[in-house]
C-alpha cells in the first residue's frame, strides 16, 4: 500500500467514525471531500481566532441572508451552539450545524488562515557513498528554525517510513541516522548547538532529563498531518549518556488501528488458517519469537484485533504500550520501576479475561504463570526471544524444565523476520552452480519447488528507490504443536535439542524461516542477499 492509498484509507476511516459520532450527537454529518478545496469561502462571518478556538467554520448563508450554516467538529463547545441558536432566533434567522471530521476542519482552516512559515525541502536517504545528499540534508536541517527542528525531524522520518531515529553525539557534530526497511542509513550531520534544542524537546515531551547520568526511557506522541488526513505517531525514547552528551534513539510506531489486521500481513491461505484455527480456541499459549524489529508486536496486535469482539474480555500487559486499540484494556507494566509481568499477570487473571497478551516472557516466573493461565481457560499470547520456533521450545525447557503441563498448554510458536521487498525494476539472473546446489538441498522435498528452474532476482536502484527495495515482507515460520512435539516437552525424549525438534516439525510439514525466505527469493519478492542478511 503506497502513501497515497494509506492516507485515503485513514481519511475514509476518520469520515466513517465522524458519521457515527454525528448519529450519536443527533447532528447532520457532512462529508466535505468533494468540495473542501474548491467551494468559495464564506468570509466576514467569523474571525480566524474564533474559528481556531471553537473549531467552527462558516459554510454559507442563503435564503435571502436569513439562513446560516456552520461546520463544527466533535471539539466544538456545545454551549456555543446553544448560544448561537438563541442569538440567531432572536434576530428571526435560522441556523444549522453540520458535523465534519477533524481532517476536514484542518483543510478549511489552511484556506482561511494559510501558514506563513518557510517550506523546507524533504529529507532524502542517501545511497551508499552519496556524501552530496547527506551534505544537502545537513544544510536543510541546520537551517530549520529552533522551534521547528524537532517536529520537522519526526515528520520527515514518518514520511520516509523510518522505524527509528538515532541521534548520536560526536566530538564536533551530531550525527542523525534513520532505520528504513530494517537498515540504518546516515542522514545528516548537525551543528553541535542543535543538541540543546533537541534534548530540550525530548526532556519536556518524553519526560527524560537532559542532565541524567543514567540510561532513561520515555514516551511521547505527535499528531502527523499528511494531505487531507492525519494520524498519531507514537514515539518510544531511549537515552544513554556518552562521552560527548546523551545519545537518543527514537522508535517510531505509526499508529493506525485499521492497519493492524491479519489480512495485511501478506500471509498465505495456509498460514492464515493455521493462526486462526489456534487463536479461535478458548485456551492455550501462543508464542511469537524473533529479534527486536522483526514485527512481532504488529503480528500480536493483529491477532488481538481479530479476536476483538464484544463477547470477549481482552487484557494486555505491556512495557511500554506501543499501540492503543479500541475495546481492549491495556495495562502498562513498569519493569524499570520494580514491576514484573508475572505479578501483573496474576493480578489481572482475577478480572476474568478471555484473552491476555503478555508483552514478553523474560523469566521462569512469568513463563510458569502464563502456562498456568493458558490451561485454566484463557488464551495467552506473548513474545519470547529465540532465533527460531524450535529454538523457542528448547529455550523454554531450559527455563522451566521438562513440564507435562507445558506440553498441554502451548499450541503454536511463530518465528518471524522482515525482509526488504524488491521494486519492479528488479533484474532476474541465473545463479552459479554452488548457489543452485545450496538452494536444492535447502528446499529438497518442498512442495512446488522446481530444482531445474532456479532463477533469482537482484535489486536495480532508481531515482525513486536508490537501493532497489521498497517496503518489507513477512517471513513466518509456524510450528503447530503436535503430539510428537509435545513429547519433547513432557520429557519422553532423552535428547532434547533445537535440531531434533526442528527435524520432527519439518517431518510434520513445517517450512523453516530459511526455506520460506528462499521461496520468496525465487518468486522475486526479495533477493537472496536480503534473506541471508536477515536469517
Protein backbone atom coordinates (compact mmCIF):
# COMPACT_ATOMS: atom_id res chain seq x y z
CA UNK A 1 0.00 0.00 0.00
CA UNK A 2 1.61 3.28 -1.12
CA UNK A 3 1.49 6.56 0.80
CA UNK A 4 -1.46 7.94 -1.21
CA UNK A 5 -3.55 4.80 -0.66
CA UNK A 6 -2.62 4.80 3.04
CA UNK A 7 -3.75 8.41 3.51
CA UNK A 8 -7.00 7.72 1.64
CA UNK A 9 -7.71 4.73 3.90
CA UNK A 10 -7.04 6.80 7.02
CA UNK A 11 -9.35 9.56 5.78
CA UNK A 12 -12.06 7.00 4.93
CA UNK A 13 -11.83 5.59 8.46
CA UNK A 14 -11.99 9.06 10.01
CA UNK A 15 -15.06 10.02 7.96
CA UNK A 16 -16.82 6.80 8.97
CA UNK A 17 -16.07 7.49 12.64
CA UNK A 18 -17.32 11.09 12.27
CA UNK A 19 -20.58 9.91 10.66
CA UNK A 20 -21.14 7.54 13.60
CA UNK A 21 -20.36 10.35 16.05
CA UNK A 22 -22.87 12.63 14.29
CA UNK A 23 -25.56 9.97 14.67
CA UNK A 24 -24.86 9.71 18.41
CA UNK A 25 -24.96 13.50 18.84
CA UNK A 26 -28.09 13.87 16.72
CA UNK A 27 -26.38 16.19 14.23
CA UNK A 28 -26.32 16.03 10.41
CA UNK A 29 -23.00 14.72 9.08
CA UNK A 30 -21.25 16.41 6.17
CA UNK A 31 -18.57 14.71 4.04
CA UNK A 32 -16.62 17.63 2.55
CA UNK A 33 -14.07 15.73 0.47
CA UNK A 34 -15.69 16.50 -2.87
CA UNK A 35 -15.63 20.27 -2.37
CA UNK A 36 -13.36 21.23 0.53
CA UNK A 37 -10.61 22.61 -1.73
CA UNK A 38 -12.90 24.24 -4.30
CA UNK A 39 -16.00 25.69 -2.62
CA UNK A 40 -15.83 29.51 -2.23
CA UNK A 41 -15.08 30.56 1.35
CA UNK A 42 -17.74 32.41 3.33
CA UNK A 43 -15.91 35.50 4.53
CA UNK A 44 -16.63 38.16 7.17
CA UNK A 45 -18.89 35.92 9.26
CA UNK A 46 -16.39 34.58 11.84
CA UNK A 47 -12.88 35.76 12.59
CA UNK A 48 -9.92 33.39 12.39
CA UNK A 49 -9.26 33.39 16.14
CA UNK A 50 -12.83 32.30 16.81
CA UNK A 51 -12.59 29.52 14.23
CA UNK A 52 -9.34 28.21 15.73
CA UNK A 53 -10.58 28.44 19.31
CA UNK A 54 -14.03 26.90 18.88
CA UNK A 55 -13.41 24.54 15.94
CA UNK A 56 -16.21 26.13 13.94
CA UNK A 57 -16.34 27.25 10.30
CA UNK A 58 -18.93 29.20 8.27
CA UNK A 59 -20.36 27.14 5.41
CA UNK A 60 -22.78 29.53 3.76
CA UNK A 61 -25.65 31.93 4.26
CA UNK A 62 -28.55 31.80 1.89
CA UNK A 63 -32.29 32.21 1.53
CA UNK A 64 -32.14 35.98 1.42
CA UNK A 65 -29.45 36.15 4.09
CA UNK A 66 -31.58 34.74 6.89
CA UNK A 67 -30.36 31.12 6.81
CA UNK A 68 -26.91 30.44 8.15
CA UNK A 69 -24.96 27.16 8.04
CA UNK A 70 -21.85 26.29 10.05
CA UNK A 71 -19.46 23.35 10.10
CA UNK A 72 -18.38 22.08 13.53
CA UNK A 73 -16.29 19.22 14.94
CA UNK A 74 -16.63 16.99 18.00
CA UNK A 75 -14.38 19.50 19.82
CA UNK A 76 -16.75 22.45 19.32
CA UNK A 77 -18.23 23.54 22.71
CA UNK A 78 -21.93 22.56 22.86
CA UNK A 79 -22.63 25.67 24.94
CA UNK A 80 -21.52 27.78 21.97
CA UNK A 81 -24.06 26.09 19.69
CA UNK A 82 -26.90 26.84 22.09
CA UNK A 83 -25.83 30.47 22.40
CA UNK A 84 -25.66 30.85 18.62
CA UNK A 85 -29.07 29.24 18.10
CA UNK A 86 -30.69 31.60 20.60
CA UNK A 87 -28.90 34.61 19.14
CA UNK A 88 -29.98 33.88 15.55
CA UNK A 89 -33.54 33.04 16.60
CA UNK A 90 -33.82 36.41 18.37
CA UNK A 91 -32.97 38.08 15.08
CA UNK A 92 -35.56 35.98 13.22
CA UNK A 93 -32.95 33.92 11.44
CA UNK A 94 -32.32 30.17 11.13
CA UNK A 95 -29.05 28.39 11.81
CA UNK A 96 -27.90 24.83 11.02
CA UNK A 97 -24.81 22.98 12.22
CA UNK A 98 -23.09 20.13 10.34
CA UNK A 99 -20.52 17.80 11.92
CA UNK A 100 -17.30 17.41 9.89
CA UNK A 101 -14.10 15.45 10.56
CA UNK A 102 -11.01 16.97 12.16
CA UNK A 103 -9.11 16.47 8.90
CA UNK A 104 -11.78 18.42 7.00
CA UNK A 105 -11.57 21.22 9.56
CA UNK A 106 -7.80 21.46 9.07
CA UNK A 107 -8.17 21.62 5.27
CA UNK A 108 -10.63 24.51 5.53
CA UNK A 109 -8.55 26.31 8.16
CA UNK A 110 -5.50 26.14 5.89
CA UNK A 111 -7.58 28.02 3.31
CA UNK A 112 -8.93 30.57 5.79
CA UNK A 113 -5.59 31.01 7.55
CA UNK A 114 -2.77 29.74 5.29
CA UNK A 115 0.57 29.15 7.02
CA UNK A 116 3.22 31.76 6.58
CA UNK A 117 6.22 29.71 7.66
CA UNK A 118 9.10 28.72 5.40
CA UNK A 119 8.79 25.47 3.45
CA UNK A 120 11.83 23.21 3.78
CA UNK A 121 12.97 20.55 1.33
CA UNK A 122 12.05 16.97 2.21
CA UNK A 123 14.78 14.77 3.69
CA UNK A 124 16.21 12.13 1.35
CA UNK A 125 18.01 8.92 2.23
CA UNK A 126 21.43 8.87 0.60
CA UNK A 127 22.64 5.87 -1.36
CA UNK A 128 25.93 4.31 -0.21
CA UNK A 129 28.80 6.73 -0.81
CA UNK A 130 26.47 9.63 -1.67
CA UNK A 131 28.02 12.34 0.52
CA UNK A 132 26.41 15.11 -1.53
CA UNK A 133 22.87 14.17 -0.43
CA UNK A 134 23.99 13.94 3.21
CA UNK A 135 25.53 17.40 2.88
CA UNK A 136 22.30 18.83 1.39
CA UNK A 137 20.12 17.29 4.12
CA UNK A 138 22.53 18.55 6.79
CA UNK A 139 22.25 22.06 5.36
CA UNK A 140 18.43 21.84 5.36
CA UNK A 141 18.21 20.57 8.96
CA UNK A 142 20.68 23.17 10.20
CA UNK A 143 18.54 25.90 8.59
CA UNK A 144 15.24 24.83 10.17
CA UNK A 145 14.19 27.20 12.95
CA UNK A 146 14.86 26.01 16.50
CA UNK A 147 11.17 25.81 17.38
CA UNK A 148 10.51 23.51 14.41
CA UNK A 149 13.59 21.31 14.01
CA UNK A 150 12.38 18.51 16.32
CA UNK A 151 8.88 18.31 14.80
CA UNK A 152 10.35 18.54 11.30
CA UNK A 153 12.71 15.62 12.02
CA UNK A 154 9.84 13.43 13.31
CA UNK A 155 7.55 14.39 10.43
CA UNK A 156 10.20 13.58 7.84
CA UNK A 157 11.08 10.26 9.50
CA UNK A 158 7.41 9.30 9.43
CA UNK A 159 7.15 10.34 5.78
CA UNK A 160 10.15 8.14 4.90
CA UNK A 161 8.63 5.20 6.78
CA UNK A 162 11.56 5.08 9.22
CA UNK A 163 11.22 2.83 12.27
CA UNK A 164 13.99 4.56 14.28
CA UNK A 165 15.81 7.88 14.53
CA UNK A 166 19.31 7.67 16.03
CA UNK A 167 20.69 10.94 17.45
CA UNK A 168 24.39 10.49 18.23
CA UNK A 169 26.78 13.00 19.77
CA UNK A 170 30.21 13.09 18.16
CA UNK A 171 33.03 15.39 19.18
CA UNK A 172 32.19 18.27 16.81
CA UNK A 173 28.73 17.47 15.44
CA UNK A 174 25.54 15.49 15.93
CA UNK A 175 25.03 12.53 13.58
CA UNK A 176 21.46 11.69 12.57
CA UNK A 177 20.73 8.23 11.22
CA UNK A 178 17.40 6.60 10.36
CA UNK A 179 16.44 2.96 10.08
CA UNK A 180 14.36 2.42 6.93
CA UNK A 181 13.15 -1.05 5.89
CA UNK A 182 15.35 -2.55 8.60
CA UNK A 183 18.66 -0.93 7.57
CA UNK A 184 20.35 2.02 9.29
CA UNK A 185 21.24 4.92 6.96
CA UNK A 186 23.26 8.11 7.62
CA UNK A 187 21.00 11.12 7.05
CA UNK A 188 22.70 14.29 8.28
CA UNK A 189 25.37 15.86 10.46
CA UNK A 190 24.00 18.72 12.56
CA UNK A 191 25.74 21.63 14.19
CA UNK A 192 26.57 20.96 17.85
CA UNK A 193 24.30 23.79 19.06
CA UNK A 194 21.27 21.73 17.88
CA UNK A 195 21.92 19.33 20.76
CA UNK A 196 20.42 21.73 23.30
CA UNK A 197 17.28 22.25 21.20
CA UNK A 198 16.66 18.54 20.55
CA UNK A 199 17.34 17.44 24.15
CA UNK A 200 15.17 20.28 25.42
CA UNK A 201 12.24 18.98 23.36
CA UNK A 202 12.88 15.39 24.47
CA UNK A 203 13.03 16.47 28.12
CA UNK A 204 9.69 18.27 28.04
CA UNK A 205 7.78 15.85 25.81
CA UNK A 206 9.13 12.41 26.76
CA UNK A 207 9.79 13.11 30.45
CA UNK A 208 13.53 12.39 30.32
CA UNK A 209 16.23 14.52 31.96
CA UNK A 210 18.84 16.21 29.79
CA UNK A 211 21.25 16.13 32.75
CA UNK A 212 20.85 12.47 33.73
CA UNK A 213 23.95 10.29 34.12
CA UNK A 214 21.92 7.07 33.72
CA UNK A 215 20.06 5.48 30.79
CA UNK A 216 16.42 6.59 30.58
CA UNK A 217 13.21 5.55 28.87
CA UNK A 218 10.38 7.84 27.82
CA UNK A 219 7.36 8.05 25.57
CA UNK A 220 5.63 10.75 23.57
CA UNK A 221 3.01 11.22 20.85
CA UNK A 222 2.78 13.55 17.88
CA UNK A 223 -0.10 14.15 15.50
CA UNK A 224 1.06 13.98 11.89
CA UNK A 225 -0.88 15.83 9.17
CA UNK A 226 -0.39 14.47 5.69
CA UNK A 227 -2.51 15.82 2.85
CA UNK A 228 -6.17 15.66 3.86
CA UNK A 229 -5.69 13.09 6.64
CA UNK A 230 -3.87 12.77 9.94
CA UNK A 231 -2.60 10.03 12.24
CA UNK A 232 -0.95 9.61 15.63
CA UNK A 233 2.77 8.83 15.77
CA UNK A 234 3.79 7.04 18.97
CA UNK A 235 7.46 7.52 19.87
CA UNK A 236 9.41 5.41 22.38
CA UNK A 237 12.51 7.27 23.55
CA UNK A 238 15.69 5.67 24.92
CA UNK A 239 18.64 7.81 26.02
CA UNK A 240 22.12 6.91 27.27
CA UNK A 241 24.95 9.21 28.45
CA UNK A 242 28.10 9.14 26.29
CA UNK A 243 31.44 10.94 26.28
CA UNK A 244 30.07 13.91 24.32
CA UNK A 245 26.47 14.10 25.60
CA UNK A 246 23.33 12.00 25.68
CA UNK A 247 22.64 9.81 22.68
CA UNK A 248 18.99 9.08 21.92
CA UNK A 249 17.11 6.50 19.90
CA UNK A 250 13.53 7.33 18.96
CA UNK A 251 11.47 4.28 17.96
CA UNK A 252 8.51 5.31 15.83
CA UNK A 253 5.19 3.48 15.87
CA UNK A 254 2.97 4.79 13.12
CA UNK A 255 -0.34 4.07 14.84
CA UNK A 256 -3.24 3.22 12.59
CA UNK A 257 -5.61 0.77 14.24
CA UNK A 258 -7.28 -0.09 10.93
CA UNK A 259 -3.98 -1.46 9.56
CA UNK A 260 -3.49 -3.97 12.40
CA UNK A 261 -5.17 -6.83 10.55
CA UNK A 262 -4.10 -10.36 9.64
CA UNK A 263 -5.24 -9.61 6.07
CA UNK A 264 -2.46 -7.03 5.70
CA UNK A 265 0.43 -9.27 6.83
CA UNK A 266 0.71 -10.94 3.42
CA UNK A 267 0.13 -14.44 4.79
CA UNK A 268 -0.68 -17.40 2.57
CA UNK A 269 -4.09 -19.01 2.99
CA UNK A 270 -2.47 -21.97 4.80
CA UNK A 271 -0.58 -19.71 7.23
CA UNK A 272 -3.71 -17.67 7.89
CA UNK A 273 -5.81 -20.79 8.50
CA UNK A 274 -3.26 -22.17 11.00
CA UNK A 275 -3.22 -18.95 13.02
CA UNK A 276 -7.00 -18.53 13.01
CA UNK A 277 -7.50 -22.17 13.96
CA UNK A 278 -5.32 -21.76 17.05
CA UNK A 279 -6.40 -18.30 18.27
CA UNK A 280 -10.09 -19.14 17.89
CA UNK A 281 -9.62 -21.83 20.56
CA UNK A 282 -10.66 -20.62 24.04
CA UNK A 283 -7.42 -21.60 25.77
CA UNK A 284 -3.74 -22.24 25.12
CA UNK A 285 -0.43 -20.44 24.77
CA UNK A 286 0.79 -18.79 21.54
CA UNK A 287 4.38 -17.54 21.36
CA UNK A 288 5.90 -15.05 18.90
CA UNK A 289 9.69 -15.24 18.63
CA UNK A 290 12.27 -13.19 16.81
CA UNK A 291 14.77 -10.37 17.33
CA UNK A 292 13.90 -6.74 18.01
CA UNK A 293 12.41 -5.09 14.94
CA UNK A 294 11.10 -8.31 13.37
CA UNK A 295 7.46 -7.22 13.52
CA UNK A 296 6.42 -9.41 16.48
CA UNK A 297 4.31 -6.66 18.08
CA UNK A 298 2.45 -5.89 14.85
CA UNK A 299 1.55 -9.57 14.38
CA UNK A 300 0.43 -9.93 18.00
CA UNK A 301 -1.73 -6.81 17.78
CA UNK A 302 -3.23 -8.06 14.51
CA UNK A 303 -4.21 -11.30 16.29
CA UNK A 304 -5.76 -9.28 19.11
CA UNK A 305 -7.71 -7.21 16.61
CA UNK A 306 -9.03 -10.41 15.00
CA UNK A 307 -10.21 -11.55 18.46
CA UNK A 308 -11.57 -8.14 19.45
CA UNK A 309 -15.32 -8.77 19.64
CA UNK A 310 -17.93 -7.60 22.14
CA UNK A 311 -18.25 -11.06 23.69
CA UNK A 312 -14.57 -11.29 24.69
CA UNK A 313 -12.71 -9.64 27.55
CA UNK A 314 -9.17 -8.88 26.30
CA UNK A 315 -6.36 -7.56 28.51
CA UNK A 316 -2.77 -6.71 27.63
CA UNK A 317 0.29 -6.26 29.83
CA UNK A 318 2.91 -4.14 28.06
CA UNK A 319 6.20 -2.36 28.73
CA UNK A 320 5.51 0.12 27.21
CA UNK A 321 2.13 0.24 25.43
CA UNK A 322 3.01 0.64 21.75
CA UNK A 323 -0.44 0.85 20.12
CA UNK A 324 -3.77 1.82 21.65
CA UNK A 325 -6.64 -0.39 20.47
CA UNK A 326 -10.31 0.43 20.98
CA UNK A 327 -12.17 -2.16 23.06
CA UNK A 328 -9.09 -3.68 24.72
CA UNK A 329 -7.94 -2.96 28.29
CA UNK A 330 -4.21 -2.22 28.06
CA UNK A 331 -2.16 -2.15 31.24
CA UNK A 332 1.35 -0.69 31.45
CA UNK A 333 3.93 -2.71 33.38
CA UNK A 334 6.82 -0.53 34.57
CA UNK A 335 9.59 -3.12 34.82
CA UNK A 336 12.20 -0.37 35.18
CA UNK A 337 10.46 0.71 38.40
CA UNK A 338 10.17 -2.70 40.03
CA UNK A 339 7.07 -4.07 38.28
CA UNK A 340 7.01 -7.57 36.82
CA UNK A 341 4.94 -9.31 34.16
CA UNK A 342 4.38 -12.34 36.40
CA UNK A 343 2.96 -10.28 39.25
CA UNK A 344 0.79 -8.22 36.90
CA UNK A 345 -0.49 -11.37 35.17
CA UNK A 346 -1.52 -12.97 38.46
CA UNK A 347 -3.45 -9.81 39.31
CA UNK A 348 -5.32 -9.43 36.01
CA UNK A 349 -6.40 -13.09 35.94
CA UNK A 350 -8.78 -12.15 38.76
CA UNK A 351 -10.56 -9.86 36.26
CA UNK A 352 -11.82 -12.95 34.37
CA UNK A 353 -10.31 -12.20 30.92
CA UNK A 354 -10.84 -14.44 27.90
CA UNK A 355 -7.61 -13.36 26.20
CA UNK A 356 -4.41 -11.99 27.73
CA UNK A 357 -1.38 -10.67 25.90
CA UNK A 358 1.87 -10.58 27.90
CA UNK A 359 4.37 -8.22 26.29
CA UNK A 360 7.32 -10.56 26.82
CA UNK A 361 8.23 -13.70 28.75
CA UNK A 362 11.61 -12.91 30.28
CA UNK A 363 11.92 -15.24 33.26
CA UNK A 364 10.77 -18.56 34.68
CA UNK A 365 8.17 -16.96 36.98
CA UNK A 366 6.41 -15.24 34.07
CA UNK A 367 6.64 -18.40 31.95
CA UNK A 368 5.07 -20.60 34.62
CA UNK A 369 2.32 -18.06 35.33
CA UNK A 370 1.50 -17.75 31.63
CA UNK A 371 1.36 -21.55 31.28
CA UNK A 372 -0.90 -21.84 34.33
CA UNK A 373 -3.23 -19.19 32.86
CA UNK A 374 -3.34 -20.96 29.49
CA UNK A 375 -4.58 -24.25 30.99
CA UNK A 376 -7.26 -22.63 33.14
CA UNK A 377 -9.49 -21.29 30.40
CA UNK A 378 -7.50 -18.36 28.99
CA UNK A 379 -5.89 -17.77 25.62
CA UNK A 380 -2.44 -16.29 26.30
CA UNK A 381 -0.37 -14.54 23.62
CA UNK A 382 3.20 -13.48 24.27
CA UNK A 383 6.61 -12.83 22.73
CA UNK A 384 9.83 -14.63 23.55
CA UNK A 385 13.40 -14.10 22.39
CA UNK A 386 14.70 -17.01 20.30
CA UNK A 387 16.16 -17.48 16.83
CA UNK A 388 13.51 -19.92 15.61
CA UNK A 389 10.34 -21.67 16.73
CA UNK A 390 12.27 -24.87 17.51
CA UNK A 391 14.85 -22.90 19.49
CA UNK A 392 11.98 -21.36 21.48
CA UNK A 393 10.99 -24.85 22.67
CA UNK A 394 14.47 -25.78 23.82
CA UNK A 395 14.92 -22.35 25.46
CA UNK A 396 11.60 -22.72 27.30
CA UNK A 397 12.63 -26.17 28.51
CA UNK A 398 15.93 -24.67 29.73
CA UNK A 399 13.89 -22.00 31.54
CA UNK A 400 11.31 -24.17 33.33
CA UNK A 401 12.49 -27.76 32.75
CA UNK A 402 10.54 -30.57 31.07
CA UNK A 403 6.96 -29.99 32.08
CA UNK A 404 3.86 -32.11 31.27
CA UNK A 405 1.63 -29.08 31.91
CA UNK A 406 3.57 -27.00 29.40
CA UNK A 407 3.17 -29.73 26.78
CA UNK A 408 -0.62 -29.50 27.02
CA UNK A 409 -0.74 -25.70 27.06
CA UNK A 410 1.42 -24.46 24.19
CA UNK A 411 -0.35 -24.70 20.84
CA UNK A 412 1.60 -22.55 18.36
CA UNK A 413 5.01 -20.91 18.06
CA UNK A 414 5.64 -18.38 15.31
CA UNK A 415 9.13 -17.20 14.38
CA UNK A 416 9.20 -14.07 12.25
CA UNK A 417 11.56 -11.89 10.22
CA UNK A 418 11.10 -8.91 7.91
CA UNK A 419 12.90 -8.69 4.55
CA UNK A 420 13.03 -5.76 2.15
CA UNK A 421 10.85 -6.04 -0.95
CA UNK A 422 12.44 -5.67 -4.37
CA UNK A 423 10.96 -2.93 -6.55
CA UNK A 424 9.52 -3.62 -10.02
CA UNK A 425 12.85 -2.64 -11.57
CA UNK A 426 14.43 -5.87 -10.23
CA UNK A 427 16.63 -7.89 -12.59
CA UNK A 428 16.35 -11.70 -12.96
CA UNK A 429 19.55 -13.76 -13.15
CA UNK A 430 20.67 -17.38 -13.05
CA UNK A 431 22.86 -18.10 -10.00
CA UNK A 432 26.11 -20.06 -10.10
CA UNK A 433 26.22 -23.81 -9.50
CA UNK A 434 27.25 -23.73 -5.79
CA UNK A 435 24.27 -21.42 -5.08
CA UNK A 436 21.94 -23.71 -7.02
CA UNK A 437 23.24 -26.73 -5.08
CA UNK A 438 22.62 -24.92 -1.77
CA UNK A 439 19.05 -23.99 -2.79
CA UNK A 440 18.29 -27.54 -4.00
CA UNK A 441 19.50 -29.01 -0.73
CA UNK A 442 17.63 -26.49 1.45
CA UNK A 443 14.34 -26.91 -0.48
CA UNK A 444 14.58 -30.65 -1.07
CA UNK A 445 11.11 -32.17 -0.76
CA UNK A 446 9.32 -28.79 -0.54
CA UNK A 447 6.07 -28.84 -2.49
CA UNK A 448 6.07 -26.57 -5.56
CA UNK A 449 9.87 -26.22 -5.80
CA UNK A 450 11.33 -26.96 -9.26
CA UNK A 451 15.04 -27.86 -8.84
CA UNK A 452 15.62 -27.49 -12.59
CA UNK A 453 14.30 -23.92 -12.82
CA UNK A 454 16.22 -21.72 -10.36
CA UNK A 455 16.09 -18.00 -11.10
CA UNK A 456 16.90 -15.29 -8.57
CA UNK A 457 16.45 -11.52 -8.68
CA UNK A 458 18.80 -8.61 -7.98
CA UNK A 459 17.87 -5.06 -6.90
CA UNK A 460 18.14 -2.31 -9.53
CA UNK A 461 18.45 1.17 -7.96
CA UNK A 462 16.40 4.04 -9.38
CA UNK A 463 15.99 7.75 -8.54
CA UNK A 464 12.79 6.91 -6.60
CA UNK A 465 14.32 3.92 -4.76
CA UNK A 466 18.10 4.36 -4.52
CA UNK A 467 18.57 0.85 -3.09
CA UNK A 468 16.21 -1.08 -5.38
CA UNK A 469 14.00 -2.02 -2.42
CA UNK A 470 10.76 -0.52 -1.12
CA UNK A 471 8.78 -1.74 1.88
CA UNK A 472 9.12 -5.04 3.69
CA UNK A 473 7.57 -8.50 3.60
CA UNK A 474 6.99 -11.00 6.43
CA UNK A 475 8.77 -14.35 6.56
CA UNK A 476 6.93 -16.53 9.06
CA UNK A 477 7.80 -19.98 10.43
CA UNK A 478 4.79 -21.60 12.12
CA UNK A 479 5.25 -24.58 14.40
CA UNK A 480 1.88 -26.08 15.32
CA UNK A 481 2.35 -28.33 18.34
CA UNK A 482 1.64 -31.97 17.54
CA UNK A 483 1.75 -34.93 19.90
CA UNK A 484 5.27 -35.73 18.67
CA UNK A 485 6.44 -32.21 19.51
CA UNK A 486 4.73 -32.42 22.91
CA UNK A 487 6.80 -35.49 23.74
CA UNK A 488 9.92 -33.29 23.93
CA UNK A 489 8.20 -31.08 26.48
CA UNK A 490 6.90 -33.97 28.57
CA UNK A 491 10.40 -35.38 28.90
CA UNK A 492 9.60 -38.52 26.87
CA UNK A 493 12.63 -37.86 24.63
CA UNK A 494 16.06 -38.12 26.21
CA UNK A 495 17.95 -35.83 23.83
CA UNK A 496 16.08 -32.51 23.75
CA UNK A 497 17.73 -30.04 21.40
CA UNK A 498 16.74 -27.50 18.76
CA UNK A 499 17.87 -29.65 15.82
CA UNK A 500 15.84 -32.67 16.93
CA UNK A 501 12.70 -30.58 17.47
CA UNK A 502 13.10 -28.89 14.08
CA UNK A 503 13.57 -32.25 12.36
CA UNK A 504 10.25 -33.54 13.74
CA UNK A 505 8.47 -30.28 12.91
CA UNK A 506 9.74 -30.39 9.30
CA UNK A 507 8.58 -34.01 9.00
CA UNK A 508 5.13 -32.77 10.09
CA UNK A 509 5.09 -30.20 7.30
CA UNK A 510 6.68 -27.09 8.81
CA UNK A 511 8.71 -24.86 6.49
CA UNK A 512 11.64 -23.17 8.23
CA UNK A 513 12.49 -19.47 8.03
CA UNK A 514 15.32 -20.33 5.66
CA UNK A 515 13.01 -22.31 3.35
CA UNK A 516 10.32 -19.61 3.39
CA UNK A 517 12.97 -16.98 2.63
CA UNK A 518 14.42 -18.96 -0.28
CA UNK A 519 10.95 -19.42 -1.79
CA UNK A 520 10.40 -15.66 -1.57
CA UNK A 521 13.75 -15.08 -3.27
CA UNK A 522 12.76 -17.45 -6.07
CA UNK A 523 9.41 -15.74 -6.66
CA UNK A 524 11.05 -12.31 -6.84
CA UNK A 525 9.66 -10.83 -3.62
CA UNK A 526 13.17 -10.28 -2.27
CA UNK A 527 16.80 -11.10 -3.02
CA UNK A 528 18.95 -13.99 -1.81
CA UNK A 529 21.33 -11.46 -0.21
CA UNK A 530 18.46 -10.00 1.80
CA UNK A 531 17.39 -13.45 3.01
CA UNK A 532 20.99 -14.19 4.04
CA UNK A 533 21.21 -10.85 5.88
CA UNK A 534 18.05 -11.39 7.90
CA UNK A 535 18.09 -15.15 8.59
